[in-house]
Amino acid sequence: MGEPHQGLRYMFHMMNHARIGVGAGATAVGYTGYLKSLAYARERLQGRPLGAKDPAQPQVPIIEHTDVRRMLLAQKSYVEGALALVLYCARLADEEVSGEPEAARRAHLLLDVLTPIVKSWPSQWCLEANSLAIQVHGGYGYTREYDVEQHYRDNRLNAIHEGTHGIQALDLLGRKAVLDHGARLSLLVETARAAVDDSTETEYAGLLSAALDRMTEATAAAWSDGDPAAALANATPYLEAVGHVVVAWMWLEQLTAAHGKEGAFYEGKRAAAAYFFRHELPRTEAWFRLVASRDRTVLDTSPDVL
């Protein structure tokens, strides 16, 4: 099949599509854990509302407690953000082969820069959703009576195979962000900014716009002295940060689609988006600051002292 001596190139082409599949699998396992912890939180009675001093007063489902709702919102923001990213990349994979020439070219460039993110971000953060699902179950979550612990173990593989988390980070910062004078990253920023311009969600659009600026600045700063060792020493924080910015973009797109619509489904979307923009997106500032500083802590640490 194919041309002689092109097997390695063909293999990596195949792996890029497989990496979308890894992200989809991680999302599915994370989403399953979320739904199970949500159902458990709605039926498990424990504790009473703040200020309720009467021990005879009925206990409430644990979903009434704010920290449990925090964990559920975090899970929802991760898994539904990841699902939007996976579906977007799957659409790009179709457009790359079936679109008109210009659309196909854009899809190819966008998919190229998003592939390490769609593989690694769900693998990292939907695993965190599985961890939170265990926490919602309390001690039961650590037993085999409830299978959220198995979902965590199953999902743990996805940050390893088809290119580890660290390899995807090196690919993103070391290749995809800088190839062709940064054409791929520039197109990503341009496309995300179109979503910002189209959005009626002023607060969140402004937060995403600022994060896109910071991403561009940090990328340039990482490579400002041309030292790949210094730049790539902080490739993993870069992947985390860019992944969060991209998922924030996916949430802004979902908010635009939900605008003016009523019902629990759409209210849930708005709540999860608010959580992601207010609790998760601010994490990127510390990550981007580390990348832009070309911090040498890891690079300068001798293996002999570890």
Protein backbone atom coordinates (compact mmCIF):
# COMPACT_ATOMS: atom_id res chain seq x y z
CA MET A 1 0.00 0.00 0.00
CA GLY A 2 1.35 3.43 -0.92
CA GLU A 3 4.77 4.44 -2.21
CA PRO A 4 7.94 2.49 -1.28
CA HIS A 5 10.04 3.97 1.54
CA GLN A 6 7.15 6.17 2.76
CA GLY A 7 5.96 3.85 5.50
CA LEU A 8 7.04 6.02 8.42
CA ARG A 9 5.26 9.06 6.99
CA TYR A 10 2.12 7.00 6.39
CA MET A 11 2.31 5.62 9.91
CA PHE A 12 2.38 9.07 11.45
CA HIS A 13 -0.55 10.13 9.28
CA MET A 14 -2.48 7.14 10.59
CA MET A 15 -1.44 7.94 14.17
CA ASN A 16 -2.78 11.48 13.91
CA HIS A 17 -6.26 10.09 13.27
CA ALA A 18 -5.74 7.55 16.05
CA ARG A 19 -4.93 10.41 18.41
CA ILE A 20 -8.37 11.91 17.83
CA GLY A 21 -9.71 8.49 18.75
CA VAL A 22 -7.68 8.47 21.98
CA GLY A 23 -9.14 11.85 22.91
CA ALA A 24 -12.62 10.57 22.13
CA GLY A 25 -12.08 7.48 24.28
CA ALA A 26 -10.76 9.54 27.19
CA THR A 27 -13.76 11.84 26.90
CA ALA A 28 -16.20 8.93 26.90
CA VAL A 29 -14.69 7.36 30.03
CA GLY A 30 -14.58 10.74 31.78
CA TYR A 31 -18.18 11.47 30.81
CA THR A 32 -19.32 8.06 32.08
CA GLY A 33 -17.74 8.72 35.48
CA TYR A 34 -19.37 12.16 35.60
CA LEU A 35 -22.84 10.78 34.90
CA LYS A 36 -22.43 8.08 37.54
CA SER A 37 -21.25 10.53 40.19
CA LEU A 38 -24.09 12.90 39.27
CA ALA A 39 -26.66 10.13 39.74
CA TYR A 40 -25.04 9.13 43.05
CA ALA A 41 -25.00 12.72 44.32
CA ARG A 42 -28.71 13.05 43.64
CA GLU A 43 -29.65 9.96 45.65
CA ARG A 44 -27.07 9.81 48.47
CA LEU A 45 -28.45 11.41 51.63
CA GLN A 46 -25.86 12.92 53.95
CA GLY A 47 -25.79 16.01 56.15
CA ARG A 48 -28.14 18.95 56.49
CA PRO A 49 -28.19 22.51 55.16
CA LEU A 50 -25.94 25.09 56.81
CA GLY A 51 -27.67 26.49 59.84
CA ALA A 52 -29.92 23.47 60.32
CA LYS A 53 -29.30 22.55 63.97
CA ASP A 54 -32.18 20.16 64.52
CA PRO A 55 -30.85 16.55 64.25
CA ALA A 56 -34.40 15.38 63.58
CA GLN A 57 -34.50 17.37 60.37
CA PRO A 58 -34.22 15.13 57.26
CA GLN A 59 -30.83 14.78 55.65
CA VAL A 60 -30.38 16.14 52.12
CA PRO A 61 -28.90 14.64 48.94
CA ILE A 62 -25.21 15.49 48.80
CA ILE A 63 -25.76 17.45 45.58
CA GLU A 64 -27.19 20.16 47.85
CA HIS A 65 -23.70 20.74 49.30
CA THR A 66 -21.73 23.38 47.43
CA ASP A 67 -18.43 21.49 47.31
CA VAL A 68 -20.13 18.51 45.71
CA ARG A 69 -21.66 20.84 43.12
CA ARG A 70 -18.17 22.29 42.56
CA MET A 71 -16.81 18.83 41.76
CA LEU A 72 -19.73 18.05 39.47
CA LEU A 73 -19.37 21.38 37.65
CA ALA A 74 -15.65 20.80 37.20
CA GLN A 75 -16.33 17.37 35.71
CA LYS A 76 -19.01 18.74 33.40
CA SER A 77 -16.75 21.55 32.24
CA TYR A 78 -13.95 19.09 31.45
CA VAL A 79 -15.93 16.35 29.73
CA GLU A 80 -18.30 18.53 27.72
CA GLY A 81 -15.47 20.86 26.75
CA ALA A 82 -13.43 17.85 25.65
CA LEU A 83 -16.36 16.43 23.70
CA ALA A 84 -16.75 19.70 21.79
CA LEU A 85 -13.03 19.65 20.96
CA VAL A 86 -13.11 16.03 19.76
CA LEU A 87 -16.14 16.67 17.54
CA TYR A 88 -14.55 19.83 16.13
CA CYS A 89 -11.37 17.95 15.24
CA ALA A 90 -13.36 15.10 13.69
CA ARG A 91 -15.09 17.67 11.49
CA LEU A 92 -11.71 19.10 10.48
CA ALA A 93 -10.54 15.59 9.54
CA ASP A 94 -13.53 15.32 7.20
CA GLU A 95 -13.00 18.79 5.72
CA GLU A 96 -9.34 18.03 5.13
CA VAL A 97 -10.27 15.39 2.55
CA SER A 98 -13.69 16.51 1.32
CA GLY A 99 -13.71 20.31 1.48
CA GLU A 100 -13.03 22.86 -1.22
CA PRO A 101 -9.30 23.53 -1.67
CA GLU A 102 -9.07 26.56 0.63
CA ALA A 103 -11.29 24.99 3.29
CA ALA A 104 -9.26 21.78 3.08
CA ARG A 105 -5.99 23.72 3.48
CA ARG A 106 -7.29 25.55 6.55
CA ALA A 107 -8.64 22.32 8.02
CA HIS A 108 -5.27 20.64 7.52
CA LEU A 109 -3.35 23.42 9.29
CA LEU A 110 -5.84 23.66 12.16
CA LEU A 111 -5.93 19.90 12.64
CA ASP A 112 -2.14 19.78 12.61
CA VAL A 113 -1.85 22.16 15.56
CA LEU A 114 -4.87 20.74 17.40
CA THR A 115 -3.89 17.06 17.17
CA PRO A 116 -1.52 17.04 20.18
CA ILE A 117 -4.16 18.95 22.14
CA VAL A 118 -7.12 16.74 21.23
CA LYS A 119 -5.07 13.70 22.18
CA SER A 120 -3.64 15.00 25.44
CA TRP A 121 -6.10 17.47 26.94
CA PRO A 122 -8.98 14.97 27.31
CA SER A 123 -6.51 12.33 28.48
CA GLN A 124 -5.30 14.64 31.25
CA TRP A 125 -8.47 16.45 32.30
CA CYS A 126 -11.10 13.77 31.78
CA LEU A 127 -8.88 11.65 34.01
CA GLU A 128 -9.21 14.46 36.56
CA ALA A 129 -12.98 14.19 36.06
CA ASN A 130 -12.72 10.50 36.91
CA SER A 131 -10.75 11.38 40.05
CA LEU A 132 -13.47 13.82 41.09
CA ALA A 133 -16.12 11.17 40.41
CA ILE A 134 -14.37 8.95 42.96
CA GLN A 135 -14.29 11.86 45.41
CA VAL A 136 -18.02 12.50 45.02
CA HIS A 137 -18.65 8.86 45.97
CA GLY A 138 -16.51 9.25 49.08
CA GLY A 139 -15.05 6.03 50.47
CA TYR A 140 -17.40 4.02 48.27
CA GLY A 141 -15.66 5.45 45.23
CA TYR A 142 -12.48 3.59 46.16
CA THR A 143 -14.20 0.20 46.27
CA ARG A 144 -15.19 -2.11 43.46
CA GLU A 145 -18.82 -1.97 44.55
CA TYR A 146 -18.96 1.23 42.48
CA ASP A 147 -17.07 1.15 39.20
CA VAL A 148 -15.90 4.78 39.08
CA GLU A 149 -12.54 3.54 40.34
CA GLN A 150 -12.25 1.26 37.31
CA HIS A 151 -13.03 4.18 35.00
CA TYR A 152 -10.09 6.04 36.54
CA ARG A 153 -7.76 3.07 36.00
CA ASP A 154 -8.98 2.61 32.42
CA ASN A 155 -8.56 6.27 31.57
CA ARG A 156 -5.07 6.47 33.02
CA LEU A 157 -3.72 4.72 29.93
CA ASN A 158 -4.79 7.47 27.55
CA ALA A 159 -2.08 9.92 28.60
CA ILE A 160 0.50 7.24 27.78
CA HIS A 161 -0.26 5.46 24.52
CA GLU A 162 -0.21 6.94 20.98
CA GLY A 163 2.42 9.40 22.19
CA THR A 164 2.76 10.34 25.85
CA HIS A 165 1.61 13.64 27.32
CA GLY A 166 5.20 14.92 27.29
CA ILE A 167 5.77 13.92 23.67
CA GLN A 168 2.61 15.74 22.60
CA ALA A 169 3.86 18.82 24.48
CA LEU A 170 7.19 18.72 22.63
CA ASP A 171 5.35 18.30 19.33
CA LEU A 172 3.10 21.29 20.04
CA LEU A 173 5.71 23.80 21.21
CA GLY A 174 8.69 22.40 19.30
CA ARG A 175 7.02 21.85 15.91
CA LYS A 176 3.36 22.73 15.43
CA ALA A 177 3.51 26.20 17.02
CA VAL A 178 6.53 27.34 15.00
CA LEU A 179 6.36 25.51 11.64
CA ASP A 180 6.14 27.82 8.61
CA HIS A 181 6.75 30.88 10.79
CA GLY A 182 3.88 29.97 13.11
CA ALA A 183 1.23 29.65 10.38
CA ARG A 184 -0.72 26.96 12.25
CA LEU A 185 -0.86 28.76 15.58
CA SER A 186 -1.73 32.03 13.81
CA LEU A 187 -4.65 30.36 12.07
CA LEU A 188 -5.83 28.90 15.36
CA VAL A 189 -5.78 32.35 16.97
CA GLU A 190 -7.53 33.87 13.96
CA THR A 191 -10.29 31.24 14.05
CA ALA A 192 -10.80 31.57 17.81
CA ARG A 193 -10.94 35.36 17.48
CA ALA A 194 -13.76 35.00 14.97
CA ALA A 195 -15.71 33.21 17.71
CA VAL A 196 -14.87 36.06 20.09
CA ASP A 197 -16.14 38.63 17.59
CA ASP A 198 -19.37 36.69 17.01
CA SER A 199 -20.13 36.18 20.69
CA THR A 200 -22.69 38.07 22.72
CA GLU A 201 -21.04 36.86 25.95
CA THR A 202 -18.98 39.98 26.64
CA GLU A 203 -17.33 38.79 29.86
CA TYR A 204 -16.20 35.44 28.50
CA ALA A 205 -15.27 36.76 25.06
CA GLY A 206 -13.01 39.30 26.75
CA LEU A 207 -11.36 36.64 28.91
CA LEU A 208 -10.72 34.43 25.89
CA SER A 209 -9.33 37.35 23.87
CA ALA A 210 -6.88 38.17 26.65
CA ALA A 211 -5.83 34.50 26.92
CA LEU A 212 -5.20 34.34 23.17
CA ASP A 213 -2.97 37.41 23.44
CA ARG A 214 -1.08 35.81 26.31
CA MET A 215 -0.66 32.57 24.37
CA THR A 216 0.83 34.43 21.41
CA GLU A 217 3.19 36.41 23.65
CA ALA A 218 4.34 33.34 25.59
CA THR A 219 5.04 31.37 22.41
CA ALA A 220 7.20 34.18 21.02
CA ALA A 221 8.99 34.62 24.35
CA ALA A 222 9.75 30.90 24.64
CA TRP A 223 11.66 31.01 21.36
CA SER A 224 13.04 34.54 21.70
CA ASP A 225 16.65 33.46 22.25
CA GLY A 226 16.54 30.53 19.81
CA ASP A 227 17.54 28.01 22.48
CA PRO A 228 15.39 24.90 22.00
CA ALA A 229 16.53 23.33 25.26
CA ALA A 230 15.30 26.31 27.29
CA ALA A 231 12.06 26.60 25.35
CA LEU A 232 11.16 22.92 25.47
CA ALA A 233 12.00 22.49 29.15
CA ASN A 234 8.58 24.03 29.79
CA ALA A 235 6.70 22.36 26.95
CA THR A 236 4.27 20.53 29.24
CA PRO A 237 2.98 23.67 31.00
CA TYR A 238 2.61 25.14 27.51
CA LEU A 239 0.44 22.22 26.41
CA GLU A 240 -1.70 22.55 29.54
CA ALA A 241 -2.17 26.28 28.97
CA VAL A 242 -2.89 26.15 25.25
CA GLY A 243 -5.26 23.23 25.83
CA HIS A 244 -7.21 25.28 28.38
CA VAL A 245 -7.37 28.23 25.97
CA VAL A 246 -8.66 26.00 23.17
CA VAL A 247 -11.30 24.41 25.42
CA ALA A 248 -12.37 27.89 26.55
CA TRP A 249 -12.90 28.65 22.85
CA MET A 250 -15.04 25.49 22.57
CA TRP A 251 -17.10 26.66 25.53
CA LEU A 252 -17.59 30.09 23.99
CA GLU A 253 -18.89 28.41 20.83
CA GLN A 254 -21.34 26.40 22.95
CA LEU A 255 -22.52 29.54 24.73
CA THR A 256 -23.15 31.21 21.38
CA ALA A 257 -25.23 28.21 20.28
CA ALA A 258 -27.18 28.27 23.57
CA HIS A 259 -27.87 32.01 23.49
CA GLY A 260 -31.53 32.81 24.14
CA LYS A 261 -32.50 29.18 24.68
CA GLU A 262 -34.20 28.00 27.85
CA GLY A 263 -34.34 24.76 29.79
CA ALA A 264 -32.11 22.74 32.11
CA PHE A 265 -29.86 21.55 29.28
CA TYR A 266 -28.94 25.09 28.24
CA GLU A 267 -28.71 26.33 31.84
CA GLY A 268 -26.29 23.48 32.50
CA LYS A 269 -24.18 24.60 29.55
CA ARG A 270 -24.07 28.15 30.85
CA ALA A 271 -23.16 27.02 34.38
CA ALA A 272 -20.32 24.76 33.16
CA ALA A 273 -18.99 27.49 30.88
CA ALA A 274 -19.03 29.98 33.75
CA TYR A 275 -17.09 27.52 35.88
CA PHE A 276 -14.50 26.95 33.18
CA PHE A 277 -13.94 30.63 32.45
CA ARG A 278 -13.84 31.70 36.10
CA HIS A 279 -12.10 28.74 37.75
CA GLU A 280 -10.03 27.05 35.02
CA LEU A 281 -8.96 29.62 32.45
CA PRO A 282 -7.13 31.76 35.09
CA ARG A 283 -4.73 28.82 35.59
CA THR A 284 -3.21 29.61 32.21
CA GLU A 285 -1.57 32.82 33.43
CA ALA A 286 0.82 30.95 35.73
CA TRP A 287 1.61 28.38 33.03
CA PHE A 288 2.23 31.02 30.36
CA ARG A 289 4.37 33.06 32.77
CA LEU A 290 6.58 30.01 33.34
CA VAL A 291 6.88 29.37 29.59
CA ALA A 292 7.65 33.01 28.76
CA SER A 293 10.34 33.21 31.46
CA ARG A 294 12.18 30.22 29.92
CA ASP A 295 12.54 28.90 33.45
CA ARG A 296 15.56 26.59 33.67
CA THR A 297 14.76 24.78 36.93
CA VAL A 298 14.14 21.42 35.28
CA LEU A 299 16.79 21.90 32.63
CA ASP A 300 19.54 22.74 35.12
CA THR A 301 18.72 20.01 37.64
CA SER A 302 21.33 17.27 37.47
CA PRO A 303 20.02 13.70 37.20
CA ASP A 304 22.47 12.84 39.99
CA VAL A 305 20.46 14.78 42.59
CA LEU A 306 17.14 13.10 41.85
